[in-house]
Amino acid sequence: TKTITENFEDLRFDISTFEYDEEND
């Protein structure tokens, strides 16, 4: 459950939006 505040930018920083660089860990 995500708590959505008035600022829409919160959704951009969900853990699923972070990309993993396997080479540099």
mmCIF file of all heavy atoms, coordinates in Angstrom:
data_MODEL
# 
_entry.id   MODEL 
# 
loop_
_atom_site.group_PDB 
_atom_site.id 
_atom_site.type_symbol 
_atom_site.label_atom_id 
_atom_site.label_alt_id 
_atom_site.label_comp_id 
_atom_site.label_asym_id 
_atom_site.label_entity_id 
_atom_site.label_seq_id 
_atom_site.pdbx_PDB_ins_code 
_atom_site.Cartn_x 
_atom_site.Cartn_y 
_atom_site.Cartn_z 
_atom_site.occupancy 
_atom_site.B_iso_or_equiv 
_atom_site.pdbx_formal_charge 
_atom_site.auth_seq_id 
_atom_site.auth_comp_id 
_atom_site.auth_asym_id 
_atom_site.auth_atom_id 
_atom_site.pdbx_PDB_model_num 
ATOM 1   N N   . THR A 1 1  ? 0.844  -1.191  0.000   1.00 0.00 ? 1  THR A N   1 
ATOM 2   C CA  . THR A 1 1  ? 0.000  0.000   0.000   1.00 0.00 ? 1  THR A CA  1 
ATOM 3   C C   . THR A 1 1  ? 0.878  1.239   0.000   1.00 0.00 ? 1  THR A C   1 
ATOM 4   O O   . THR A 1 1  ? 1.709  1.419   0.886   1.00 0.00 ? 1  THR A O   1 
ATOM 5   C CB  . THR A 1 1  ? -0.909 0.011   1.251   1.00 0.00 ? 1  THR A CB  1 
ATOM 6   O OG1 . THR A 1 1  ? -1.620 -1.205  1.292   1.00 0.00 ? 1  THR A OG1 1 
ATOM 7   C CG2 . THR A 1 1  ? -1.872 1.175   1.211   1.00 0.00 ? 1  THR A CG2 1 
ATOM 8   N N   . LYS A 1 2  ? 0.681  2.065   -0.994  1.00 0.00 ? 2  LYS A N   1 
ATOM 9   C CA  . LYS A 1 2  ? 1.470  3.290   -1.117  1.00 0.00 ? 2  LYS A CA  1 
ATOM 10  C C   . LYS A 1 2  ? 0.660  4.480   -0.628  1.00 0.00 ? 2  LYS A C   1 
ATOM 11  O O   . LYS A 1 2  ? -0.510 4.620   -0.953  1.00 0.00 ? 2  LYS A O   1 
ATOM 12  C CB  . LYS A 1 2  ? 1.879  3.515   -2.578  1.00 0.00 ? 2  LYS A CB  1 
ATOM 13  C CG  . LYS A 1 2  ? 2.738  2.408   -3.164  1.00 0.00 ? 2  LYS A CG  1 
ATOM 14  C CD  . LYS A 1 2  ? 3.130  2.758   -4.579  1.00 0.00 ? 2  LYS A CD  1 
ATOM 15  C CE  . LYS A 1 2  ? 4.034  1.700   -5.174  1.00 0.00 ? 2  LYS A CE  1 
ATOM 16  N NZ  . LYS A 1 2  ? 3.358  0.465   -5.468  1.00 0.00 ? 2  LYS A NZ  1 
ATOM 17  N N   . THR A 1 3  ? 1.291  5.309   0.160   1.00 0.00 ? 3  THR A N   1 
ATOM 18  C CA  . THR A 1 3  ? 0.646  6.530   0.618   1.00 0.00 ? 3  THR A CA  1 
ATOM 19  C C   . THR A 1 3  ? 0.936  7.628   -0.387  1.00 0.00 ? 3  THR A C   1 
ATOM 20  O O   . THR A 1 3  ? 2.071  8.086   -0.519  1.00 0.00 ? 3  THR A O   1 
ATOM 21  C CB  . THR A 1 3  ? 1.181  6.946   2.010   1.00 0.00 ? 3  THR A CB  1 
ATOM 22  O OG1 . THR A 1 3  ? 1.005  5.854   2.894   1.00 0.00 ? 3  THR A OG1 1 
ATOM 23  C CG2 . THR A 1 3  ? 0.442  8.158   2.537   1.00 0.00 ? 3  THR A CG2 1 
ATOM 24  N N   . ILE A 1 4  ? -0.090 8.033   -1.109  1.00 0.00 ? 4  ILE A N   1 
ATOM 25  C CA  . ILE A 1 4  ? 0.080  9.049   -2.147  1.00 0.00 ? 4  ILE A CA  1 
ATOM 26  C C   . ILE A 1 4  ? -0.227 10.419  -1.552  1.00 0.00 ? 4  ILE A C   1 
ATOM 27  O O   . ILE A 1 4  ? -1.325 10.687  -1.088  1.00 0.00 ? 4  ILE A O   1 
ATOM 28  C CB  . ILE A 1 4  ? -0.848 8.774   -3.337  1.00 0.00 ? 4  ILE A CB  1 
ATOM 29  C CG1 . ILE A 1 4  ? -0.555 7.374   -3.898  1.00 0.00 ? 4  ILE A CG1 1 
ATOM 30  C CG2 . ILE A 1 4  ? -0.693 9.822   -4.424  1.00 0.00 ? 4  ILE A CG2 1 
ATOM 31  C CD1 . ILE A 1 4  ? -1.488 6.963   -4.997  1.00 0.00 ? 4  ILE A CD1 1 
ATOM 32  N N   . THR A 1 5  ? 0.768  11.275  -1.563  1.00 0.00 ? 5  THR A N   1 
ATOM 33  C CA  . THR A 1 5  ? 0.584  12.632  -1.061  1.00 0.00 ? 5  THR A CA  1 
ATOM 34  C C   . THR A 1 5  ? 0.181  13.537  -2.216  1.00 0.00 ? 5  THR A C   1 
ATOM 35  O O   . THR A 1 5  ? -0.008 13.099  -3.342  1.00 0.00 ? 5  THR A O   1 
ATOM 36  C CB  . THR A 1 5  ? 1.895  13.142  -0.426  1.00 0.00 ? 5  THR A CB  1 
ATOM 37  O OG1 . THR A 1 5  ? 2.904  13.152  -1.434  1.00 0.00 ? 5  THR A OG1 1 
ATOM 38  C CG2 . THR A 1 5  ? 2.327  12.237  0.710   1.00 0.00 ? 5  THR A CG2 1 
ATOM 39  N N   . GLU A 1 6  ? 0.039  14.793  -1.919  1.00 0.00 ? 6  GLU A N   1 
ATOM 40  C CA  . GLU A 1 6  ? -0.371 15.744  -2.959  1.00 0.00 ? 6  GLU A CA  1 
ATOM 41  C C   . GLU A 1 6  ? 0.675  15.849  -4.055  1.00 0.00 ? 6  GLU A C   1 
ATOM 42  O O   . GLU A 1 6  ? 0.353  16.113  -5.208  1.00 0.00 ? 6  GLU A O   1 
ATOM 43  C CB  . GLU A 1 6  ? -0.607 17.124  -2.325  1.00 0.00 ? 6  GLU A CB  1 
ATOM 44  C CG  . GLU A 1 6  ? -1.801 17.147  -1.377  1.00 0.00 ? 6  GLU A CG  1 
ATOM 45  C CD  . GLU A 1 6  ? -1.980 18.501  -0.738  1.00 0.00 ? 6  GLU A CD  1 
ATOM 46  O OE1 . GLU A 1 6  ? -1.185 19.419  -1.053  1.00 0.00 ? 6  GLU A OE1 1 
ATOM 47  O OE2 . GLU A 1 6  ? -2.899 18.660  0.071   1.00 0.00 ? 6  GLU A OE2 1 
ATOM 48  N N   . ASN A 1 7  ? 1.956  15.631  -3.692  1.00 0.00 ? 7  ASN A N   1 
ATOM 49  C CA  . ASN A 1 7  ? 3.027  15.746  -4.672  1.00 0.00 ? 7  ASN A CA  1 
ATOM 50  C C   . ASN A 1 7  ? 3.152  14.446  -5.469  1.00 0.00 ? 7  ASN A C   1 
ATOM 51  O O   . ASN A 1 7  ? 3.488  13.399  -4.924  1.00 0.00 ? 7  ASN A O   1 
ATOM 52  C CB  . ASN A 1 7  ? 4.354  16.052  -3.955  1.00 0.00 ? 7  ASN A CB  1 
ATOM 53  C CG  . ASN A 1 7  ? 5.421  16.508  -4.938  1.00 0.00 ? 7  ASN A CG  1 
ATOM 54  O OD1 . ASN A 1 7  ? 5.353  16.209  -6.123  1.00 0.00 ? 7  ASN A OD1 1 
ATOM 55  N ND2 . ASN A 1 7  ? 6.393  17.241  -4.437  1.00 0.00 ? 7  ASN A ND2 1 
ATOM 56  N N   . PHE A 1 8  ? 2.878  14.482  -6.748  1.00 0.00 ? 8  PHE A N   1 
ATOM 57  C CA  . PHE A 1 8  ? 2.905  13.305  -7.611  1.00 0.00 ? 8  PHE A CA  1 
ATOM 58  C C   . PHE A 1 8  ? 4.299  12.731  -7.758  1.00 0.00 ? 8  PHE A C   1 
ATOM 59  O O   . PHE A 1 8  ? 4.469  11.569  -8.102  1.00 0.00 ? 8  PHE A O   1 
ATOM 60  C CB  . PHE A 1 8  ? 2.343  13.682  -8.985  1.00 0.00 ? 8  PHE A CB  1 
ATOM 61  C CG  . PHE A 1 8  ? 2.268  12.530  -9.935  1.00 0.00 ? 8  PHE A CG  1 
ATOM 62  C CD1 . PHE A 1 8  ? 1.285  11.551  -9.806  1.00 0.00 ? 8  PHE A CD1 1 
ATOM 63  C CD2 . PHE A 1 8  ? 3.207  12.397  -10.948 1.00 0.00 ? 8  PHE A CD2 1 
ATOM 64  C CE1 . PHE A 1 8  ? 1.221  10.481  -10.674 1.00 0.00 ? 8  PHE A CE1 1 
ATOM 65  C CE2 . PHE A 1 8  ? 3.143  11.319  -11.823 1.00 0.00 ? 8  PHE A CE2 1 
ATOM 66  C CZ  . PHE A 1 8  ? 2.152  10.372  -11.688 1.00 0.00 ? 8  PHE A CZ  1 
ATOM 67  N N   . GLU A 1 9  ? 5.332  13.516  -7.433  1.00 0.00 ? 9  GLU A N   1 
ATOM 68  C CA  . GLU A 1 9  ? 6.705  13.063  -7.622  1.00 0.00 ? 9  GLU A CA  1 
ATOM 69  C C   . GLU A 1 9  ? 7.044  11.868  -6.720  1.00 0.00 ? 9  GLU A C   1 
ATOM 70  O O   . GLU A 1 9  ? 7.994  11.150  -6.974  1.00 0.00 ? 9  GLU A O   1 
ATOM 71  C CB  . GLU A 1 9  ? 7.687  14.223  -7.317  1.00 0.00 ? 9  GLU A CB  1 
ATOM 72  C CG  . GLU A 1 9  ? 7.636  15.358  -8.314  1.00 0.00 ? 9  GLU A CG  1 
ATOM 73  C CD  . GLU A 1 9  ? 8.175  14.951  -9.676  1.00 0.00 ? 9  GLU A CD  1 
ATOM 74  O OE1 . GLU A 1 9  ? 8.908  13.948  -9.743  1.00 0.00 ? 9  GLU A OE1 1 
ATOM 75  O OE2 . GLU A 1 9  ? 7.859  15.616  -10.665 1.00 0.00 ? 9  GLU A OE2 1 
ATOM 76  N N   . ASP A 1 10 ? 6.255  11.630  -5.626  1.00 0.00 ? 10 ASP A N   1 
ATOM 77  C CA  . ASP A 1 10 ? 6.534  10.515  -4.713  1.00 0.00 ? 10 ASP A CA  1 
ATOM 78  C C   . ASP A 1 10 ? 6.571  9.177   -5.453  1.00 0.00 ? 10 ASP A C   1 
ATOM 79  O O   . ASP A 1 10 ? 7.353  8.303   -5.113  1.00 0.00 ? 10 ASP A O   1 
ATOM 80  C CB  . ASP A 1 10 ? 5.467  10.457  -3.615  1.00 0.00 ? 10 ASP A CB  1 
ATOM 81  C CG  . ASP A 1 10 ? 5.618  11.596  -2.610  1.00 0.00 ? 10 ASP A CG  1 
ATOM 82  O OD1 . ASP A 1 10 ? 6.659  12.266  -2.608  1.00 0.00 ? 10 ASP A OD1 1 
ATOM 83  O OD2 . ASP A 1 10 ? 4.678  11.791  -1.849  1.00 0.00 ? 10 ASP A OD2 1 
ATOM 84  N N   . LEU A 1 11 ? 5.698  8.988   -6.429  1.00 0.00 ? 11 LEU A N   1 
ATOM 85  C CA  . LEU A 1 11 ? 5.612  7.731   -7.160  1.00 0.00 ? 11 LEU A CA  1 
ATOM 86  C C   . LEU A 1 11 ? 6.864  7.470   -7.988  1.00 0.00 ? 11 LEU A C   1 
ATOM 87  O O   . LEU A 1 11 ? 7.179  6.313   -8.274  1.00 0.00 ? 11 LEU A O   1 
ATOM 88  C CB  . LEU A 1 11 ? 4.382  7.728   -8.065  1.00 0.00 ? 11 LEU A CB  1 
ATOM 89  C CG  . LEU A 1 11 ? 3.025  7.810   -7.367  1.00 0.00 ? 11 LEU A CG  1 
ATOM 90  C CD1 . LEU A 1 11 ? 1.916  7.896   -8.398  1.00 0.00 ? 11 LEU A CD1 1 
ATOM 91  C CD2 . LEU A 1 11 ? 2.810  6.611   -6.461  1.00 0.00 ? 11 LEU A CD2 1 
ATOM 92  N N   . ARG A 1 12 ? 7.547  8.490   -8.372  1.00 0.00 ? 12 ARG A N   1 
ATOM 93  C CA  . ARG A 1 12 ? 8.746  8.329   -9.195  1.00 0.00 ? 12 ARG A CA  1 
ATOM 94  C C   . ARG A 1 12 ? 9.858  7.628   -8.442  1.00 0.00 ? 12 ARG A C   1 
ATOM 95  O O   . ARG A 1 12 ? 10.729 7.010   -9.050  1.00 0.00 ? 12 ARG A O   1 
ATOM 96  C CB  . ARG A 1 12 ? 9.262  9.705   -9.654  1.00 0.00 ? 12 ARG A CB  1 
ATOM 97  C CG  . ARG A 1 12 ? 8.420  10.347  -10.740 1.00 0.00 ? 12 ARG A CG  1 
ATOM 98  C CD  . ARG A 1 12 ? 9.082  11.630  -11.202 1.00 0.00 ? 12 ARG A CD  1 
ATOM 99  N NE  . ARG A 1 12 ? 10.408 11.360  -11.731 1.00 0.00 ? 12 ARG A NE  1 
ATOM 100 C CZ  . ARG A 1 12 ? 11.474 12.135  -11.523 1.00 0.00 ? 12 ARG A CZ  1 
ATOM 101 N NH1 . ARG A 1 12 ? 11.371 13.220  -10.788 1.00 0.00 ? 12 ARG A NH1 1 
ATOM 102 N NH2 . ARG A 1 12 ? 12.634 11.833  -12.049 1.00 0.00 ? 12 ARG A NH2 1 
ATOM 103 N N   . PHE A 1 13 ? 9.838  7.729   -7.100  1.00 0.00 ? 13 PHE A N   1 
ATOM 104 C CA  . PHE A 1 13 ? 10.959 7.224   -6.309  1.00 0.00 ? 13 PHE A CA  1 
ATOM 105 C C   . PHE A 1 13 ? 10.627 5.927   -5.566  1.00 0.00 ? 13 PHE A C   1 
ATOM 106 O O   . PHE A 1 13 ? 11.224 5.601   -4.552  1.00 0.00 ? 13 PHE A O   1 
ATOM 107 C CB  . PHE A 1 13 ? 11.436 8.305   -5.325  1.00 0.00 ? 13 PHE A CB  1 
ATOM 108 C CG  . PHE A 1 13 ? 11.885 9.552   -6.026  1.00 0.00 ? 13 PHE A CG  1 
ATOM 109 C CD1 . PHE A 1 13 ? 11.059 10.660  -6.102  1.00 0.00 ? 13 PHE A CD1 1 
ATOM 110 C CD2 . PHE A 1 13 ? 13.128 9.613   -6.649  1.00 0.00 ? 13 PHE A CD2 1 
ATOM 111 C CE1 . PHE A 1 13 ? 11.459 11.808  -6.766  1.00 0.00 ? 13 PHE A CE1 1 
ATOM 112 C CE2 . PHE A 1 13 ? 13.535 10.758  -7.321  1.00 0.00 ? 13 PHE A CE2 1 
ATOM 113 C CZ  . PHE A 1 13 ? 12.701 11.863  -7.382  1.00 0.00 ? 13 PHE A CZ  1 
ATOM 114 N N   . ASP A 1 14 ? 9.630  5.210   -6.095  1.00 0.00 ? 14 ASP A N   1 
ATOM 115 C CA  . ASP A 1 14 ? 9.356  3.884   -5.561  1.00 0.00 ? 14 ASP A CA  1 
ATOM 116 C C   . ASP A 1 14 ? 10.530 2.968   -5.895  1.00 0.00 ? 14 ASP A C   1 
ATOM 117 O O   . ASP A 1 14 ? 11.218 3.156   -6.903  1.00 0.00 ? 14 ASP A O   1 
ATOM 118 C CB  . ASP A 1 14 ? 8.065  3.328   -6.173  1.00 0.00 ? 14 ASP A CB  1 
ATOM 119 C CG  . ASP A 1 14 ? 7.720  1.966   -5.620  1.00 0.00 ? 14 ASP A CG  1 
ATOM 120 O OD1 . ASP A 1 14 ? 7.293  1.909   -4.454  1.00 0.00 ? 14 ASP A OD1 1 
ATOM 121 O OD2 . ASP A 1 14 ? 7.879  0.968   -6.344  1.00 0.00 ? 14 ASP A OD2 1 
ATOM 122 N N   . ILE A 1 15 ? 10.765 1.957   -5.066  1.00 0.00 ? 15 ILE A N   1 
ATOM 123 C CA  . ILE A 1 15 ? 11.926 1.077   -5.228  1.00 0.00 ? 15 ILE A CA  1 
ATOM 124 C C   . ILE A 1 15 ? 11.948 0.394   -6.599  1.00 0.00 ? 15 ILE A C   1 
ATOM 125 O O   . ILE A 1 15 ? 13.011 0.091   -7.147  1.00 0.00 ? 15 ILE A O   1 
ATOM 126 C CB  . ILE A 1 15 ? 11.960 0.024   -4.092  1.00 0.00 ? 15 ILE A CB  1 
ATOM 127 C CG1 . ILE A 1 15 ? 13.305 -0.709  -4.096  1.00 0.00 ? 15 ILE A CG1 1 
ATOM 128 C CG2 . ILE A 1 15 ? 10.778 -0.937  -4.199  1.00 0.00 ? 15 ILE A CG2 1 
ATOM 129 C CD1 . ILE A 1 15 ? 13.508 -1.581  -2.877  1.00 0.00 ? 15 ILE A CD1 1 
ATOM 130 N N   . SER A 1 16 ? 10.769 0.198   -7.185  1.00 0.00 ? 16 SER A N   1 
ATOM 131 C CA  . SER A 1 16 ? 10.689 -0.475  -8.489  1.00 0.00 ? 16 SER A CA  1 
ATOM 132 C C   . SER A 1 16 ? 11.213 0.393   -9.627  1.00 0.00 ? 16 SER A C   1 
ATOM 133 O O   . SER A 1 16 ? 11.510 -0.115  -10.714 1.00 0.00 ? 16 SER A O   1 
ATOM 134 C CB  . SER A 1 16 ? 9.233  -0.875  -8.783  1.00 0.00 ? 16 SER A CB  1 
ATOM 135 O OG  . SER A 1 16 ? 8.396  0.269   -8.802  1.00 0.00 ? 16 SER A OG  1 
ATOM 136 N N   . THR A 1 17 ? 11.341 1.691   -9.403  1.00 0.00 ? 17 THR A N   1 
ATOM 137 C CA  . THR A 1 17 ? 11.815 2.602   -10.452 1.00 0.00 ? 17 THR A CA  1 
ATOM 138 C C   . THR A 1 17 ? 13.339 2.734   -10.465 1.00 0.00 ? 17 THR A C   1 
ATOM 139 O O   . THR A 1 17 ? 13.903 3.372   -11.350 1.00 0.00 ? 17 THR A O   1 
ATOM 140 C CB  . THR A 1 17 ? 11.190 4.001   -10.285 1.00 0.00 ? 17 THR A CB  1 
ATOM 141 O OG1 . THR A 1 17 ? 11.604 4.559   -9.036  1.00 0.00 ? 17 THR A OG1 1 
ATOM 142 C CG2 . THR A 1 17 ? 9.668  3.925   -10.323 1.00 0.00 ? 17 THR A CG2 1 
ATOM 143 N N   . PHE A 1 18 ? 14.018 2.126   -9.489  1.00 0.00 ? 18 PHE A N   1 
ATOM 144 C CA  . PHE A 1 18 ? 15.474 2.193   -9.421  1.00 0.00 ? 18 PHE A CA  1 
ATOM 145 C C   . PHE A 1 18 ? 16.068 1.080   -10.291 1.00 0.00 ? 18 PHE A C   1 
ATOM 146 O O   . PHE A 1 18 ? 15.654 -0.080  -10.199 1.00 0.00 ? 18 PHE A O   1 
ATOM 147 C CB  . PHE A 1 18 ? 15.959 2.042   -7.978  1.00 0.00 ? 18 PHE A CB  1 
ATOM 148 C CG  . PHE A 1 18 ? 15.747 3.263   -7.127  1.00 0.00 ? 18 PHE A CG  1 
ATOM 149 C CD1 . PHE A 1 18 ? 14.467 3.708   -6.817  1.00 0.00 ? 18 PHE A CD1 1 
ATOM 150 C CD2 . PHE A 1 18 ? 16.829 3.976   -6.636  1.00 0.00 ? 18 PHE A CD2 1 
ATOM 151 C CE1 . PHE A 1 18 ? 14.258 4.822   -6.034  1.00 0.00 ? 18 PHE A CE1 1 
ATOM 152 C CE2 . PHE A 1 18 ? 16.634 5.103   -5.848  1.00 0.00 ? 18 PHE A CE2 1 
ATOM 153 C CZ  . PHE A 1 18 ? 15.346 5.525   -5.550  1.00 0.00 ? 18 PHE A CZ  1 
ATOM 154 N N   . GLU A 1 19 ? 17.035 1.430   -11.122 1.00 0.00 ? 19 GLU A N   1 
ATOM 155 C CA  . GLU A 1 19 ? 17.676 0.458   -12.008 1.00 0.00 ? 19 GLU A CA  1 
ATOM 156 C C   . GLU A 1 19 ? 18.942 -0.092  -11.356 1.00 0.00 ? 19 GLU A C   1 
ATOM 157 O O   . GLU A 1 19 ? 19.694 0.649   -10.706 1.00 0.00 ? 19 GLU A O   1 
ATOM 158 C CB  . GLU A 1 19 ? 18.039 1.111   -13.342 1.00 0.00 ? 19 GLU A CB  1 
ATOM 159 C CG  . GLU A 1 19 ? 16.825 1.561   -14.137 1.00 0.00 ? 19 GLU A CG  1 
ATOM 160 C CD  . GLU A 1 19 ? 17.215 2.230   -15.449 1.00 0.00 ? 19 GLU A CD  1 
ATOM 161 O OE1 . GLU A 1 19 ? 18.434 2.218   -15.764 1.00 0.00 ? 19 GLU A OE1 1 
ATOM 162 O OE2 . GLU A 1 19 ? 16.336 2.749   -16.145 1.00 0.00 ? 19 GLU A OE2 1 
ATOM 163 N N   . TYR A 1 20 ? 19.171 -1.385  -11.548 1.00 0.00 ? 20 TYR A N   1 
ATOM 164 C CA  . TYR A 1 20 ? 20.342 -2.022  -10.935 1.00 0.00 ? 20 TYR A CA  1 
ATOM 165 C C   . TYR A 1 20 ? 21.458 -2.181  -11.958 1.00 0.00 ? 20 TYR A C   1 
ATOM 166 O O   . TYR A 1 20 ? 21.241 -2.701  -13.054 1.00 0.00 ? 20 TYR A O   1 
ATOM 167 C CB  . TYR A 1 20 ? 19.957 -3.389  -10.373 1.00 0.00 ? 20 TYR A CB  1 
ATOM 168 C CG  . TYR A 1 20 ? 21.108 -4.126  -9.734  1.00 0.00 ? 20 TYR A CG  1 
ATOM 169 C CD1 . TYR A 1 20 ? 21.771 -3.603  -8.620  1.00 0.00 ? 20 TYR A CD1 1 
ATOM 170 C CD2 . TYR A 1 20 ? 21.547 -5.351  -10.248 1.00 0.00 ? 20 TYR A CD2 1 
ATOM 171 C CE1 . TYR A 1 20 ? 22.825 -4.283  -8.031  1.00 0.00 ? 20 TYR A CE1 1 
ATOM 172 C CE2 . TYR A 1 20 ? 22.601 -6.039  -9.661  1.00 0.00 ? 20 TYR A CE2 1 
ATOM 173 C CZ  . TYR A 1 20 ? 23.237 -5.494  -8.551  1.00 0.00 ? 20 TYR A CZ  1 
ATOM 174 O OH  . TYR A 1 20 ? 24.300 -6.153  -7.980  1.00 0.00 ? 20 TYR A OH  1 
ATOM 175 N N   . ASP A 1 21 ? 22.643 -1.740  -11.570 1.00 0.00 ? 21 ASP A N   1 
ATOM 176 C CA  . ASP A 1 21 ? 23.849 -1.900  -12.393 1.00 0.00 ? 21 ASP A CA  1 
ATOM 177 C C   . ASP A 1 21 ? 24.631 -3.079  -11.825 1.00 0.00 ? 21 ASP A C   1 
ATOM 178 O O   . ASP A 1 21 ? 25.305 -2.963  -10.807 1.00 0.00 ? 21 ASP A O   1 
ATOM 179 C CB  . ASP A 1 21 ? 24.690 -0.614  -12.333 1.00 0.00 ? 21 ASP A CB  1 
ATOM 180 C CG  . ASP A 1 21 ? 25.919 -0.694  -13.228 1.00 0.00 ? 21 ASP A CG  1 
ATOM 181 O OD1 . ASP A 1 21 ? 26.184 -1.769  -13.805 1.00 0.00 ? 21 ASP A OD1 1 
ATOM 182 O OD2 . ASP A 1 21 ? 26.630 0.329   -13.346 1.00 0.00 ? 21 ASP A OD2 1 
ATOM 183 N N   . GLU A 1 22 ? 24.505 -4.238  -12.492 1.00 0.00 ? 22 GLU A N   1 
ATOM 184 C CA  . GLU A 1 22 ? 25.105 -5.465  -11.976 1.00 0.00 ? 22 GLU A CA  1 
ATOM 185 C C   . GLU A 1 22 ? 26.626 -5.404  -11.990 1.00 0.00 ? 22 GLU A C   1 
ATOM 186 O O   . GLU A 1 22 ? 27.288 -5.936  -11.094 1.00 0.00 ? 22 GLU A O   1 
ATOM 187 C CB  . GLU A 1 22 ? 24.619 -6.647  -12.825 1.00 0.00 ? 22 GLU A CB  1 
ATOM 188 C CG  . GLU A 1 22 ? 24.939 -7.999  -12.221 1.00 0.00 ? 22 GLU A CG  1 
ATOM 189 C CD  . GLU A 1 22 ? 24.263 -9.140  -12.961 1.00 0.00 ? 22 GLU A CD  1 
ATOM 190 O OE1 . GLU A 1 22 ? 23.450 -8.874  -13.878 1.00 0.00 ? 22 GLU A OE1 1 
ATOM 191 O OE2 . GLU A 1 22 ? 24.558 -10.294 -12.621 1.00 0.00 ? 22 GLU A OE2 1 
ATOM 192 N N   . GLU A 1 23 ? 27.191 -4.739  -12.986 1.00 0.00 ? 23 GLU A N   1 
ATOM 193 C CA  . GLU A 1 23 ? 28.659 -4.676  -13.118 1.00 0.00 ? 23 GLU A CA  1 
ATOM 194 C C   . GLU A 1 23 ? 29.293 -3.941  -11.943 1.00 0.00 ? 23 GLU A C   1 
ATOM 195 O O   . GLU A 1 23 ? 30.289 -4.381  -11.377 1.00 0.00 ? 23 GLU A O   1 
ATOM 196 C CB  . GLU A 1 23 ? 29.027 -3.982  -14.437 1.00 0.00 ? 23 GLU A CB  1 
ATOM 197 C CG  . GLU A 1 23 ? 30.513 -4.007  -14.726 1.00 0.00 ? 23 GLU A CG  1 
ATOM 198 C CD  . GLU A 1 23 ? 30.852 -3.352  -16.061 1.00 0.00 ? 23 GLU A CD  1 
ATOM 199 O OE1 . GLU A 1 23 ? 29.924 -3.147  -16.883 1.00 0.00 ? 23 GLU A OE1 1 
ATOM 200 O OE2 . GLU A 1 23 ? 32.032 -3.068  -16.280 1.00 0.00 ? 23 GLU A OE2 1 
ATOM 201 N N   . ASN A 1 24 ? 28.700 -2.804  -11.540 1.00 0.00 ? 24 ASN A N   1 
ATOM 202 C CA  . ASN A 1 24 ? 29.258 -1.999  -10.445 1.00 0.00 ? 24 ASN A CA  1 
ATOM 203 C C   . ASN A 1 24 ? 28.569 -2.268  -9.103  1.00 0.00 ? 24 ASN A C   1 
ATOM 204 O O   . ASN A 1 24 ? 28.932 -1.649  -8.097  1.00 0.00 ? 24 ASN A O   1 
ATOM 205 C CB  . ASN A 1 24 ? 29.129 -0.507  -10.780 1.00 0.00 ? 24 ASN A CB  1 
ATOM 206 C CG  . ASN A 1 24 ? 29.918 -0.132  -12.023 1.00 0.00 ? 24 ASN A CG  1 
ATOM 207 O OD1 . ASN A 1 24 ? 31.055 -0.551  -12.203 1.00 0.00 ? 24 ASN A OD1 1 
ATOM 208 N ND2 . ASN A 1 24 ? 29.295 0.652   -12.900 1.00 0.00 ? 24 ASN A ND2 1 
ATOM 209 N N   . ASP A 1 25 ? 27.569 -3.168  -9.097  1.00 0.00 ? 25 ASP A N   1 
ATOM 210 C CA  . ASP A 1 25 ? 26.795 -3.482  -7.893  1.00 0.00 ? 25 ASP A CA  1 
ATOM 211 C C   . ASP A 1 25 ? 26.277 -2.200  -7.231  1.00 0.00 ? 25 ASP A C   1 
ATOM 212 O O   . ASP A 1 25 ? 26.575 -1.895  -6.070  1.00 0.00 ? 25 ASP A O   1 
ATOM 213 C CB  . ASP A 1 25 ? 27.639 -4.289  -6.902  1.00 0.00 ? 25 ASP A CB  1 
ATOM 214 C CG  . ASP A 1 25 ? 26.787 -4.831  -5.745  1.00 0.00 ? 25 ASP A CG  1 
ATOM 215 O OD1 . ASP A 1 25 ? 25.548 -4.888  -5.900  1.00 0.00 ? 25 ASP A OD1 1 
ATOM 216 O OD2 . ASP A 1 25 ? 27.362 -5.170  -4.695  1.00 0.00 ? 25 ASP A OD2 1 
# 
